[in-house]
Amino acid sequence: MDHRKALIAMSGGVDSSVAALLMKEQGYDCVGCTMKLYQNEDAGIPKEHTCCSLDDVEDAKRIARYLKIPYYIFNFSHDFRAKIIDRFVWSYENGRTPNPCIDCNRYMKFGKLFERAQILGCDKIVTGHYARIEKQGEQYILKKAADDKKDQSYVLYTMTQQQLRQTMFPLGELQKTTVRKLAEEHGFTNASKPDSQDICFVPHGDYARVIELYSKHPVCPGNFVDSSGAVLGQHRGIIHYTIGQRKGLGISFSEPRYVCAIDSANNTVTLGVSSEVYQRHLTADDFNWISGTAPSGSIRCKAKIRYQQAEQPATATVLPDKTVEVVFDAPQRAVTPGQAVVLYDGDIVLGGGVIRQHGNI
């Protein structure tokens, strides 16, 4: 094969470590790297709880030494603050529930890291994501992983044709059990390391604490209201709530109530019964079509509105303003502004965008 050079994004976890191993075995000239995304101390986060911890960096270094490949640490903390944390805070302050992992892939892994790959003369960017890239004619397609339980295609919908052409996902055809077995066979000390569950800069899911730490605005209490606008009680500030939430409302009713809407302009949180949390219709903006071209007219597809959800039958239509309307065959629970809606045709990712509005038709 031609001499090819690959930049491997190494988090210190088992997936990216095995990805590096597989690329080395394929004969690539590999360069390992870890992205330093923020200072733990700045966020008041214990070092052992994040993907930027010293332990994780040491794990990545250890694997790089074993594979005999160069290893770098890139400090992207300024960009991460601007593109990920500040957007995260803004979204919650405006009544949205963001997915910062999608933004991190978009702006860090397939943004800043691509720039470094060019400087280092690397042909490919390699990550430990569970997804597949295939070439069909002149087009590159993004597909779900072979291991359906680990599939991460949902958080990769922002990828462009150029990025797909220059990216490799070596784990896309593998089961997670196989990945851990390969790590064990090579004596990797992180072979049984648990997968990360929290958002890296929000350990234990305490979103409000992080928002209050970074925000320039005070958190103001406001009113809980029902769908008619009648006041039901007082909330602690809209950053504490998300669509579909029932626990932690601090107010009791004769039957369960759920967050149905968040109005940042009026500082209100609308509560309703379970049936009011279900919606069939949404519109999404900032939409990326993997092919690079939006379809004309309406298309039948399957769509998912959160990472762990199974895809649901729907019809998608590109509107004149380039936003996309998605109408589900059946009502979906907690369609949440700020989250992503991703469209599929079987295993193929068609594209995705950020949910702007929801409702029934």
Protein backbone atom coordinates (compact mmCIF):
# COMPACT_ATOMS: atom_id res chain seq x y z
CA MET A 1 0.00 0.00 0.00
CA ASP A 2 0.99 3.64 -0.33
CA HIS A 3 2.70 5.20 2.66
CA ARG A 4 -0.12 6.85 4.60
CA LYS A 5 -0.01 8.88 7.79
CA ALA A 6 -2.80 8.98 10.37
CA LEU A 7 -3.46 11.22 13.38
CA ILE A 8 -5.11 9.16 16.14
CA ALA A 9 -7.30 10.96 18.69
CA MET A 10 -6.45 9.13 21.93
CA SER A 11 -8.57 9.80 25.01
CA GLY A 12 -6.86 7.22 27.19
CA GLY A 13 -9.86 4.91 26.89
CA VAL A 14 -9.90 1.40 25.45
CA ASP A 15 -11.69 2.34 22.20
CA SER A 16 -9.22 4.93 20.93
CA SER A 17 -6.33 2.76 22.10
CA VAL A 18 -7.52 -0.20 20.03
CA ALA A 19 -8.22 2.13 17.12
CA ALA A 20 -4.54 3.17 17.23
CA LEU A 21 -3.48 -0.49 17.43
CA LEU A 22 -5.54 -1.44 14.37
CA MET A 23 -4.19 1.46 12.31
CA LYS A 24 -0.61 0.50 13.20
CA GLU A 25 -1.33 -3.11 12.19
CA GLN A 26 -2.67 -1.87 8.85
CA GLY A 27 0.71 -0.30 8.17
CA TYR A 28 -0.13 3.34 8.72
CA ASP A 29 2.46 5.80 9.97
CA CYS A 30 0.58 6.77 13.15
CA VAL A 31 0.76 9.85 15.35
CA GLY A 32 -1.14 9.80 18.66
CA CYS A 33 -2.62 12.85 20.33
CA THR A 34 -4.85 13.90 23.22
CA MET A 35 -6.89 17.08 23.20
CA LYS A 36 -6.68 19.16 26.37
CA LEU A 37 -10.08 20.76 26.36
CA TYR A 38 -10.25 22.67 29.64
CA GLN A 39 -8.62 23.09 33.01
CA ASN A 40 -10.39 20.89 35.56
CA GLU A 41 -9.58 23.29 38.37
CA ASP A 42 -11.30 26.15 36.53
CA ALA A 43 -14.56 24.22 36.64
CA GLY A 44 -14.02 22.94 40.17
CA ILE A 45 -13.98 19.37 38.83
CA PRO A 46 -11.91 16.62 40.46
CA LYS A 47 -9.19 15.55 38.03
CA GLU A 48 -10.10 11.88 38.21
CA HIS A 49 -13.61 12.46 36.88
CA THR A 50 -12.99 13.75 33.37
CA CYS A 51 -11.59 12.82 29.98
CA CYS A 52 -8.88 15.44 30.46
CA SER A 53 -7.54 13.92 33.67
CA LEU A 54 -3.87 13.23 34.23
CA ASP A 55 -4.66 9.52 34.50
CA ASP A 56 -6.26 9.54 31.05
CA VAL A 57 -3.28 11.35 29.54
CA GLU A 58 -0.92 8.83 31.14
CA ASP A 59 -3.01 5.95 29.76
CA ALA A 60 -2.80 7.44 26.26
CA LYS A 61 0.95 8.02 26.58
CA ARG A 62 1.44 4.43 27.76
CA ILE A 63 -0.38 3.02 24.71
CA ALA A 64 1.57 5.31 22.37
CA ARG A 65 4.85 4.06 23.87
CA TYR A 66 3.71 0.45 23.48
CA LEU A 67 2.86 1.08 19.81
CA LYS A 68 6.09 3.06 19.32
CA ILE A 69 4.30 6.07 17.84
CA PRO A 70 4.86 9.80 18.46
CA TYR A 71 2.41 11.38 20.90
CA TYR A 72 1.30 14.99 21.38
CA ILE A 73 -1.02 16.91 23.69
CA PHE A 74 -2.92 19.72 21.95
CA ASN A 75 -4.31 22.50 24.11
CA PHE A 76 -7.68 23.47 22.67
CA SER A 77 -9.08 24.85 25.93
CA HIS A 78 -9.74 28.35 24.53
CA ASP A 79 -11.69 26.98 21.56
CA PHE A 80 -13.53 24.48 23.76
CA ARG A 81 -14.68 27.26 26.06
CA ALA A 82 -15.95 29.38 23.15
CA LYS A 83 -17.48 26.64 21.00
CA ILE A 84 -18.70 24.12 23.56
CA ILE A 85 -19.04 25.47 27.10
CA ASP A 86 -20.31 28.95 26.19
CA ARG A 87 -22.82 27.45 23.72
CA PHE A 88 -23.91 24.97 26.39
CA VAL A 89 -24.53 27.78 28.88
CA TRP A 90 -26.31 29.97 26.32
CA SER A 91 -28.62 27.11 25.35
CA TYR A 92 -29.78 26.42 28.89
CA GLU A 93 -30.24 30.14 29.57
CA ASN A 94 -32.48 30.28 26.50
CA GLY A 95 -34.65 27.31 27.41
CA ARG A 96 -32.87 24.74 25.26
CA THR A 97 -31.23 21.45 26.20
CA PRO A 98 -28.03 21.11 24.13
CA ASN A 99 -25.92 18.09 23.23
CA PRO A 100 -22.32 19.29 23.71
CA CYS A 101 -20.87 15.95 22.51
CA ILE A 102 -22.17 16.77 19.02
CA ASP A 103 -20.59 20.23 19.16
CA CYS A 104 -17.32 18.70 20.39
CA ASN A 105 -17.20 16.36 17.41
CA ARG A 106 -18.09 19.19 15.04
CA TYR A 107 -15.70 21.87 16.28
CA MET A 108 -12.94 19.95 18.08
CA LYS A 109 -12.39 16.46 16.65
CA PHE A 110 -13.39 17.29 13.08
CA GLY A 111 -12.48 20.95 13.26
CA LYS A 112 -9.40 21.88 15.26
CA LEU A 113 -7.93 18.39 15.07
CA PHE A 114 -8.21 18.42 11.26
CA GLU A 115 -6.14 21.60 11.23
CA ARG A 116 -3.41 19.90 13.28
CA ALA A 117 -3.53 16.85 11.01
CA GLN A 118 -2.74 19.05 8.02
CA ILE A 119 0.17 20.68 9.85
CA LEU A 120 1.58 17.24 10.70
CA GLY A 121 1.10 16.00 7.15
CA CYS A 122 -1.48 13.36 8.12
CA ASP A 123 -3.80 11.98 5.45
CA LYS A 124 -6.34 10.61 7.91
CA ILE A 125 -7.99 11.45 11.22
CA VAL A 126 -8.80 8.36 13.29
CA THR A 127 -11.11 8.14 16.32
CA GLY A 128 -12.57 5.35 18.42
CA HIS A 129 -16.17 6.11 17.42
CA TYR A 130 -18.51 3.23 16.73
CA ALA A 131 -19.74 4.12 13.24
CA ARG A 132 -18.87 3.20 9.64
CA ILE A 133 -17.80 5.19 6.59
CA GLU A 134 -18.25 3.72 3.13
CA LYS A 135 -17.72 5.05 -0.38
CA GLN A 136 -20.54 4.68 -2.90
CA GLY A 137 -19.47 5.98 -6.29
CA GLU A 138 -18.13 9.47 -5.70
CA GLN A 139 -20.07 9.88 -2.44
CA TYR A 140 -19.10 8.94 1.10
CA ILE A 141 -21.83 7.65 3.38
CA LEU A 142 -22.02 7.48 7.15
CA LYS A 143 -23.54 4.29 8.55
CA LYS A 144 -24.49 2.92 11.93
CA ALA A 145 -21.97 0.68 13.67
CA ALA A 146 -22.12 -3.09 13.49
CA ASP A 147 -22.57 -3.11 17.28
CA ASP A 148 -26.01 -1.54 17.54
CA LYS A 149 -25.71 -1.07 21.32
CA LYS A 150 -22.57 1.06 20.90
CA ASP A 151 -23.55 2.92 17.72
CA GLN A 152 -22.52 6.60 17.82
CA SER A 153 -23.70 7.75 14.40
CA TYR A 154 -26.25 10.04 16.08
CA VAL A 155 -23.49 12.36 17.35
CA LEU A 156 -21.66 12.39 14.00
CA TYR A 157 -24.38 13.80 11.74
CA THR A 158 -22.51 17.10 11.23
CA MET A 159 -19.74 15.46 9.22
CA THR A 160 -19.10 16.77 5.71
CA GLN A 161 -18.03 14.87 2.61
CA GLN A 162 -14.46 16.14 3.02
CA GLN A 163 -14.36 15.05 6.65
CA LEU A 164 -15.74 11.61 5.81
CA ARG A 165 -13.14 11.23 3.06
CA GLN A 166 -10.32 11.95 5.51
CA THR A 167 -11.67 10.06 8.55
CA MET A 168 -11.42 6.41 9.58
CA PHE A 169 -13.43 4.58 12.26
CA PRO A 170 -11.55 1.28 12.73
CA LEU A 171 -14.05 0.03 15.33
CA GLY A 172 -17.11 0.40 13.13
CA GLU A 173 -17.29 -3.29 12.19
CA LEU A 174 -16.39 -4.59 15.67
CA GLN A 175 -18.35 -5.55 18.75
CA LYS A 176 -17.34 -3.86 22.00
CA THR A 177 -16.50 -7.28 23.49
CA THR A 178 -14.03 -7.84 20.65
CA VAL A 179 -12.41 -4.45 21.28
CA ARG A 180 -11.84 -5.24 24.95
CA LYS A 181 -10.50 -8.69 24.04
CA LEU A 182 -7.96 -7.15 21.64
CA ALA A 183 -6.86 -4.74 24.36
CA GLU A 184 -6.43 -7.61 26.82
CA GLU A 185 -4.43 -9.66 24.31
CA HIS A 186 -1.98 -6.79 23.94
CA GLY A 187 -1.74 -6.17 27.67
CA PHE A 188 -3.34 -2.73 27.59
CA THR A 189 -3.80 -1.53 31.16
CA ASN A 190 -7.04 0.22 30.16
CA ALA A 191 -8.62 -2.96 28.71
CA SER A 192 -11.32 -3.02 31.40
CA LYS A 193 -11.55 0.75 31.90
CA PRO A 194 -15.22 1.82 32.20
CA ASP A 195 -16.75 3.85 29.40
CA SER A 196 -17.30 7.54 30.11
CA GLN A 197 -20.96 8.28 30.90
CA ASP A 198 -21.12 11.96 31.87
CA ILE A 199 -20.59 15.01 29.70
CA CYS A 200 -16.87 15.51 30.25
CA PHE A 201 -17.12 18.94 31.88
CA VAL A 202 -20.34 18.12 33.78
CA PRO A 203 -19.51 15.21 36.10
CA HIS A 204 -22.47 13.60 37.89
CA GLY A 205 -24.92 15.44 35.64
CA ASP A 206 -24.94 18.65 37.69
CA TYR A 207 -25.66 20.95 34.75
CA ALA A 208 -26.97 23.85 36.81
CA ARG A 209 -23.75 24.09 38.84
CA VAL A 210 -21.62 24.37 35.70
CA ILE A 211 -23.97 26.92 34.15
CA GLU A 212 -23.91 29.07 37.28
CA LEU A 213 -20.11 28.84 37.33
CA TYR A 214 -19.66 30.04 33.73
CA SER A 215 -22.70 32.25 33.24
CA LYS A 216 -22.53 36.03 33.28
CA HIS A 217 -26.20 36.28 34.27
CA PRO A 218 -27.94 35.63 37.58
CA VAL A 219 -30.35 32.69 37.78
CA CYS A 220 -33.80 34.19 38.37
CA PRO A 221 -36.79 32.33 39.81
CA GLY A 222 -40.00 32.47 37.84
CA ASN A 223 -43.43 30.91 37.51
CA PHE A 224 -44.58 27.40 36.79
CA VAL A 225 -47.68 27.71 34.59
CA ASP A 226 -50.13 25.33 32.94
CA SER A 227 -51.01 25.30 29.23
CA SER A 228 -53.59 28.06 29.77
CA GLY A 229 -51.03 30.32 31.47
CA ALA A 230 -52.41 29.92 34.99
CA VAL A 231 -49.69 30.18 37.65
CA LEU A 232 -49.07 26.90 39.50
CA GLY A 233 -46.12 27.89 41.68
CA GLN A 234 -42.56 29.17 41.50
CA HIS A 235 -39.51 27.56 39.88
CA ARG A 236 -35.81 27.99 40.80
CA GLY A 237 -34.67 29.25 37.37
CA ILE A 238 -35.13 27.74 33.91
CA ILE A 239 -31.61 26.27 33.81
CA HIS A 240 -32.79 23.59 36.26
CA TYR A 241 -35.34 22.08 33.86
CA THR A 242 -35.68 20.17 30.62
CA ILE A 243 -38.61 18.90 28.57
CA GLY A 244 -40.17 15.73 30.01
CA GLN A 245 -38.72 16.23 33.49
CA ARG A 246 -40.87 15.11 36.43
CA LYS A 247 -38.48 14.79 39.37
CA GLY A 248 -36.97 17.74 41.18
CA LEU A 249 -39.76 20.21 40.38
CA GLY A 250 -40.19 21.14 44.05
CA ILE A 251 -43.96 21.27 43.70
CA SER A 252 -46.56 18.54 44.24
CA PHE A 253 -49.86 17.75 42.51
CA SER A 254 -52.59 15.13 42.79
CA GLU A 255 -51.19 13.49 39.63
CA PRO A 256 -47.69 13.60 38.11
CA ARG A 257 -46.79 16.75 36.18
CA TYR A 258 -44.04 17.09 33.61
CA VAL A 259 -42.14 19.94 32.01
CA CYS A 260 -43.81 20.58 28.63
CA ALA A 261 -42.26 23.89 27.58
CA ILE A 262 -39.68 26.43 28.71
CA ASP A 263 -40.14 30.10 27.81
CA SER A 264 -36.93 32.03 28.44
CA ALA A 265 -38.42 35.37 27.32
CA ASN A 266 -41.10 35.23 30.03
CA ASN A 267 -39.07 33.07 32.44
CA THR A 268 -41.85 30.49 32.71
CA VAL A 269 -41.86 26.70 32.79
CA THR A 270 -45.05 25.04 31.55
CA LEU A 271 -46.16 21.89 33.36
CA GLY A 272 -48.68 19.36 32.11
CA VAL A 273 -49.88 15.79 32.45
CA SER A 274 -48.13 12.90 30.70
CA SER A 275 -50.12 13.16 27.46
CA GLU A 276 -49.00 16.77 27.00
CA VAL A 277 -45.34 15.72 26.75
CA TYR A 278 -45.97 13.82 23.49
CA GLN A 279 -45.60 15.57 20.12
CA ARG A 280 -45.66 14.49 16.48
CA HIS A 281 -44.13 17.51 14.81
CA LEU A 282 -40.85 19.41 14.97
CA THR A 283 -38.77 21.81 12.93
CA ALA A 284 -34.97 21.76 12.94
CA ASP A 285 -32.37 24.27 11.80
CA ASP A 286 -28.60 24.20 11.29
CA PHE A 287 -29.29 21.07 9.25
CA ASN A 288 -26.49 19.06 7.65
CA TRP A 289 -27.20 16.62 4.83
CA ILE A 290 -24.41 14.02 4.68
CA SER A 291 -24.54 13.90 0.88
CA GLY A 292 -24.04 17.66 0.73
CA THR A 293 -27.37 18.13 -1.07
CA ALA A 294 -30.81 18.51 0.49
CA PRO A 295 -33.57 16.36 -1.01
CA SER A 296 -36.38 17.98 -2.95
CA GLY A 297 -39.87 17.43 -1.64
CA SER A 298 -40.73 15.14 1.25
CA ILE A 299 -38.93 11.91 2.07
CA ARG A 300 -39.89 8.91 4.15
CA CYS A 301 -37.26 8.00 6.72
CA LYS A 302 -36.71 7.06 10.32
CA ALA A 303 -35.71 9.67 12.87
CA LYS A 304 -34.41 9.78 16.41
CA ILE A 305 -34.47 12.71 18.80
CA ARG A 306 -32.07 11.44 21.47
CA TYR A 307 -28.97 9.29 21.60
CA GLN A 308 -30.47 6.18 23.22
CA GLN A 309 -33.76 6.21 21.32
CA ALA A 310 -34.63 3.74 18.57
CA GLU A 311 -35.33 5.37 15.20
CA GLN A 312 -39.03 6.09 14.56
CA PRO A 313 -40.92 6.25 11.22
CA ALA A 314 -41.38 9.81 9.99
CA THR A 315 -41.71 12.14 7.00
CA ALA A 316 -39.14 14.90 6.55
CA THR A 317 -39.59 18.00 4.37
CA VAL A 318 -37.08 20.74 3.56
CA LEU A 319 -38.81 24.10 3.94
CA PRO A 320 -38.06 27.22 1.84
CA ASP A 321 -35.89 28.71 4.62
CA LYS A 322 -33.72 25.51 4.60
CA THR A 323 -35.10 24.34 7.94
CA VAL A 324 -36.46 20.80 8.04
CA GLU A 325 -39.90 19.75 9.20
CA VAL A 326 -40.20 16.27 10.65
CA VAL A 327 -43.60 14.67 11.26
CA PHE A 328 -43.57 11.36 13.10
CA ASP A 329 -46.10 8.66 12.39
CA ALA A 330 -46.72 8.37 16.14
CA PRO A 331 -46.32 10.98 18.90
CA GLN A 332 -42.87 11.07 20.50
CA ARG A 333 -42.14 11.76 24.15
CA ALA A 334 -40.22 14.91 25.12
CA VAL A 335 -39.30 16.45 21.77
CA THR A 336 -36.72 18.89 23.15
CA PRO A 337 -35.49 22.15 21.57
CA GLY A 338 -31.70 22.18 21.49
CA GLN A 339 -31.38 18.43 21.06
CA ALA A 340 -30.61 16.87 17.67
CA VAL A 341 -32.95 15.11 15.31
CA VAL A 342 -31.09 12.67 13.05
CA LEU A 343 -32.60 11.03 9.96
CA TYR A 344 -31.84 7.49 8.78
CA ASP A 345 -32.50 5.32 5.75
CA GLY A 346 -31.89 1.88 7.22
CA ASP A 347 -28.30 1.97 8.53
CA ILE A 348 -27.41 5.08 6.54
CA VAL A 349 -27.37 8.51 8.18
CA LEU A 350 -29.11 11.01 5.89
CA GLY A 351 -28.42 14.07 8.02
CA GLY A 352 -29.48 15.93 11.11
CA GLY A 353 -30.11 19.28 12.72
CA VAL A 354 -30.98 21.05 15.96
CA ILE A 355 -34.60 20.95 17.10
CA ARG A 356 -35.99 24.48 17.13
CA GLN A 357 -39.71 24.01 17.73
CA HIS A 358 -42.08 21.19 18.52
CA GLY A 359 -45.82 20.70 18.54
CA ASN A 360 -48.76 18.74 17.18
CA ILE A 361 -50.48 19.10 13.81
